Amino acid sequence: MKANPVHPKKLLMSKWTAVNPLSREKHFMVVQVIEPKIEGAPIEKIVIEAVISRRQKTIHWRSLTNGSEWQRGWIC
């Protein structure tokens, strides 16, 4: 699969579909962009929330660029 073009400043509230869902959690939304502790440092982590269970997890934002793990938008 090809890479997903993602810019860290446009992540908040973006929608994603897990290619290999676990526990019926397939659709996610970015609910928080974690600001780095050092001012001016690049963003590294985000919090995604599963639409069905509302369970949240923190991931490295660059993992969303991996097209074999994630697809942009909510896809059936």
N, C-alpha and C. Protein backbone atom coordinates (compact mmCIF):
# COMPACT_ATOMS: atom_id res chain seq x y z
N MET A 1 0.83 -1.18 0.00
CA MET A 1 0.00 0.00 0.00
C MET A 1 0.88 1.24 0.00
N LYS A 2 0.33 2.32 -0.51
CA LYS A 2 1.09 3.55 -0.55
C LYS A 2 0.99 4.30 0.77
N ALA A 3 1.90 5.24 0.95
CA ALA A 3 1.94 6.03 2.17
C ALA A 3 0.82 7.06 2.18
N ASN A 4 0.30 7.35 3.36
CA ASN A 4 -0.71 8.38 3.53
C ASN A 4 -0.01 9.72 3.76
N PRO A 5 -0.30 10.73 2.95
CA PRO A 5 0.28 12.04 3.22
C PRO A 5 -0.39 12.67 4.43
N VAL A 6 0.39 13.01 5.44
CA VAL A 6 -0.15 13.55 6.68
C VAL A 6 0.73 14.71 7.13
N HIS A 7 0.09 15.79 7.55
CA HIS A 7 0.82 16.91 8.12
C HIS A 7 0.40 17.02 9.58
N PRO A 8 1.35 17.08 10.51
CA PRO A 8 0.99 17.06 11.94
C PRO A 8 0.07 18.19 12.39
N LYS A 9 0.10 19.33 11.73
CA LYS A 9 -0.75 20.45 12.13
C LYS A 9 -2.20 20.26 11.70
N LYS A 10 -2.47 19.29 10.84
CA LYS A 10 -3.83 19.05 10.37
C LYS A 10 -4.41 17.74 10.90
N LEU A 11 -3.82 17.20 11.95
CA LEU A 11 -4.26 15.92 12.49
C LEU A 11 -5.51 16.00 13.37
N LEU A 12 -5.63 17.05 14.16
CA LEU A 12 -6.71 17.13 15.13
C LEU A 12 -8.07 16.98 14.46
N MET A 13 -8.87 16.07 14.99
CA MET A 13 -10.21 15.74 14.52
C MET A 13 -10.23 15.02 13.16
N SER A 14 -9.07 14.57 12.69
CA SER A 14 -9.05 13.80 11.45
C SER A 14 -9.55 12.38 11.73
N LYS A 15 -10.08 11.73 10.70
CA LYS A 15 -10.71 10.42 10.84
C LYS A 15 -9.84 9.37 10.14
N TRP A 16 -9.74 8.19 10.76
CA TRP A 16 -8.88 7.12 10.25
C TRP A 16 -9.54 5.77 10.40
N THR A 17 -9.21 4.86 9.48
CA THR A 17 -9.69 3.48 9.54
C THR A 17 -8.50 2.55 9.69
N ALA A 18 -8.57 1.68 10.69
CA ALA A 18 -7.52 0.68 10.89
C ALA A 18 -7.67 -0.41 9.83
N VAL A 19 -6.59 -0.76 9.15
CA VAL A 19 -6.64 -1.79 8.12
C VAL A 19 -6.92 -3.15 8.76
N ASN A 20 -6.32 -3.43 9.92
CA ASN A 20 -6.52 -4.68 10.65
C ASN A 20 -7.15 -4.37 12.01
N PRO A 21 -8.48 -4.22 12.07
CA PRO A 21 -9.11 -3.83 13.33
C PRO A 21 -8.99 -4.90 14.41
N LEU A 22 -8.91 -4.43 15.65
CA LEU A 22 -8.89 -5.32 16.81
C LEU A 22 -10.09 -5.00 17.69
N SER A 23 -10.76 -6.01 18.20
CA SER A 23 -11.91 -5.84 19.10
C SER A 23 -12.99 -4.95 18.50
N ARG A 24 -13.27 -5.12 17.22
CA ARG A 24 -14.29 -4.35 16.51
C ARG A 24 -13.97 -2.87 16.43
N GLU A 25 -12.77 -2.48 16.81
CA GLU A 25 -12.37 -1.07 16.74
C GLU A 25 -11.70 -0.83 15.40
N LYS A 26 -12.46 -0.23 14.51
CA LYS A 26 -11.99 -0.02 13.15
C LYS A 26 -11.85 1.46 12.82
N HIS A 27 -12.81 2.26 13.28
CA HIS A 27 -12.83 3.68 12.97
C HIS A 27 -12.35 4.50 14.17
N PHE A 28 -11.45 5.44 13.88
CA PHE A 28 -10.83 6.25 14.92
C PHE A 28 -10.84 7.72 14.53
N MET A 29 -10.74 8.57 15.55
CA MET A 29 -10.61 10.00 15.33
C MET A 29 -9.47 10.50 16.21
N VAL A 30 -8.68 11.42 15.67
CA VAL A 30 -7.60 12.03 16.46
C VAL A 30 -8.26 13.07 17.36
N VAL A 31 -8.18 12.86 18.68
CA VAL A 31 -8.84 13.75 19.62
C VAL A 31 -7.88 14.68 20.34
N GLN A 32 -6.59 14.39 20.24
CA GLN A 32 -5.60 15.26 20.90
C GLN A 32 -4.26 15.13 20.20
N VAL A 33 -3.61 16.27 20.01
CA VAL A 33 -2.23 16.31 19.54
C VAL A 33 -1.41 16.70 20.75
N ILE A 34 -0.49 15.82 21.16
CA ILE A 34 0.29 16.06 22.37
C ILE A 34 1.46 16.98 22.03
N GLU A 35 1.45 18.14 22.67
CA GLU A 35 2.52 19.11 22.44
C GLU A 35 3.81 18.62 23.10
N PRO A 36 4.95 18.84 22.44
CA PRO A 36 6.23 18.41 23.03
C PRO A 36 6.57 19.25 24.26
N LYS A 37 7.35 18.66 25.16
CA LYS A 37 7.74 19.36 26.39
C LYS A 37 8.69 20.51 26.09
N ILE A 38 9.48 20.37 25.05
CA ILE A 38 10.42 21.41 24.66
C ILE A 38 9.75 22.29 23.61
N GLU A 39 9.65 23.57 23.90
CA GLU A 39 8.99 24.50 22.97
C GLU A 39 9.74 24.54 21.65
N GLY A 40 9.00 24.43 20.56
CA GLY A 40 9.59 24.46 19.23
C GLY A 40 9.99 23.09 18.70
N ALA A 41 9.91 22.07 19.54
CA ALA A 41 10.23 20.71 19.10
C ALA A 41 9.06 20.18 18.28
N PRO A 42 9.32 19.24 17.39
CA PRO A 42 8.23 18.70 16.55
C PRO A 42 7.26 17.84 17.36
N ILE A 43 6.04 17.79 16.88
CA ILE A 43 5.01 16.93 17.48
C ILE A 43 5.40 15.48 17.23
N GLU A 44 5.24 14.65 18.25
CA GLU A 44 5.57 13.23 18.10
C GLU A 44 4.38 12.32 18.34
N LYS A 45 3.54 12.64 19.31
CA LYS A 45 2.47 11.73 19.71
C LYS A 45 1.10 12.37 19.57
N ILE A 46 0.11 11.50 19.35
CA ILE A 46 -1.29 11.91 19.28
C ILE A 46 -2.13 10.92 20.07
N VAL A 47 -3.34 11.33 20.39
CA VAL A 47 -4.30 10.43 21.05
C VAL A 47 -5.42 10.18 20.05
N ILE A 48 -5.67 8.89 19.78
CA ILE A 48 -6.78 8.52 18.91
C ILE A 48 -7.85 7.84 19.75
N GLU A 49 -9.10 8.03 19.31
CA GLU A 49 -10.23 7.46 20.05
C GLU A 49 -11.05 6.59 19.12
N ALA A 50 -11.34 5.38 19.57
CA ALA A 50 -12.20 4.47 18.80
C ALA A 50 -13.63 4.98 18.84
N VAL A 51 -14.27 5.03 17.69
CA VAL A 51 -15.62 5.57 17.60
C VAL A 51 -16.62 4.70 18.35
N ILE A 52 -16.48 3.39 18.25
CA ILE A 52 -17.46 2.47 18.83
C ILE A 52 -17.35 2.35 20.35
N SER A 53 -16.12 2.31 20.89
CA SER A 53 -15.94 2.07 22.32
C SER A 53 -15.50 3.30 23.09
N ARG A 54 -15.09 4.34 22.39
CA ARG A 54 -14.54 5.56 22.99
C ARG A 54 -13.22 5.32 23.73
N ARG A 55 -12.64 4.15 23.51
CA ARG A 55 -11.34 3.86 24.13
C ARG A 55 -10.27 4.68 23.42
N GLN A 56 -9.37 5.25 24.21
CA GLN A 56 -8.31 6.09 23.66
C GLN A 56 -6.96 5.40 23.79
N LYS A 57 -6.10 5.71 22.83
CA LYS A 57 -4.72 5.25 22.93
C LYS A 57 -3.80 6.29 22.32
N THR A 58 -2.59 6.33 22.86
CA THR A 58 -1.58 7.26 22.40
C THR A 58 -0.67 6.54 21.42
N ILE A 59 -0.45 7.16 20.26
CA ILE A 59 0.41 6.57 19.25
C ILE A 59 1.34 7.64 18.69
N HIS A 60 2.38 7.21 18.01
CA HIS A 60 3.25 8.13 17.30
C HIS A 60 2.51 8.56 16.04
N TRP A 61 2.42 9.85 15.78
CA TRP A 61 1.60 10.33 14.66
C TRP A 61 2.08 9.81 13.32
N ARG A 62 3.36 9.53 13.18
CA ARG A 62 3.88 9.06 11.90
C ARG A 62 3.39 7.65 11.54
N SER A 63 2.88 6.91 12.50
CA SER A 63 2.34 5.59 12.17
C SER A 63 1.13 5.70 11.24
N LEU A 64 0.46 6.85 11.25
CA LEU A 64 -0.68 7.05 10.35
C LEU A 64 -0.26 7.13 8.89
N THR A 65 1.02 7.39 8.63
CA THR A 65 1.49 7.46 7.25
C THR A 65 1.66 6.08 6.64
N ASN A 66 1.64 5.03 7.46
CA ASN A 66 1.80 3.67 6.98
C ASN A 66 0.47 3.17 6.40
N GLY A 67 0.40 3.09 5.09
CA GLY A 67 -0.83 2.68 4.41
C GLY A 67 -1.21 1.24 4.65
N SER A 68 -0.31 0.41 5.15
CA SER A 68 -0.67 -0.98 5.45
C SER A 68 -1.31 -1.10 6.84
N GLU A 69 -1.28 -0.01 7.63
CA GLU A 69 -1.91 0.00 8.95
C GLU A 69 -3.14 0.89 9.01
N TRP A 70 -3.11 2.04 8.32
CA TRP A 70 -4.15 3.04 8.41
C TRP A 70 -4.57 3.55 7.04
N GLN A 71 -5.85 3.90 6.94
CA GLN A 71 -6.38 4.58 5.75
C GLN A 71 -7.07 5.85 6.22
N ARG A 72 -6.89 6.93 5.48
CA ARG A 72 -7.51 8.21 5.84
C ARG A 72 -9.02 8.13 5.62
N GLY A 73 -9.76 8.67 6.58
CA GLY A 73 -11.23 8.67 6.50
C GLY A 73 -11.82 7.41 7.09
N TRP A 74 -13.13 7.37 7.13
CA TRP A 74 -13.83 6.19 7.63
C TRP A 74 -14.30 5.38 6.44
N ILE A 75 -13.69 4.23 6.26
CA ILE A 75 -13.95 3.37 5.11
C ILE A 75 -14.64 2.09 5.60
N CYS A 76 -15.66 1.67 4.90
CA CYS A 76 -16.41 0.45 5.30
C CYS A 76 -15.66 -0.81 5.01
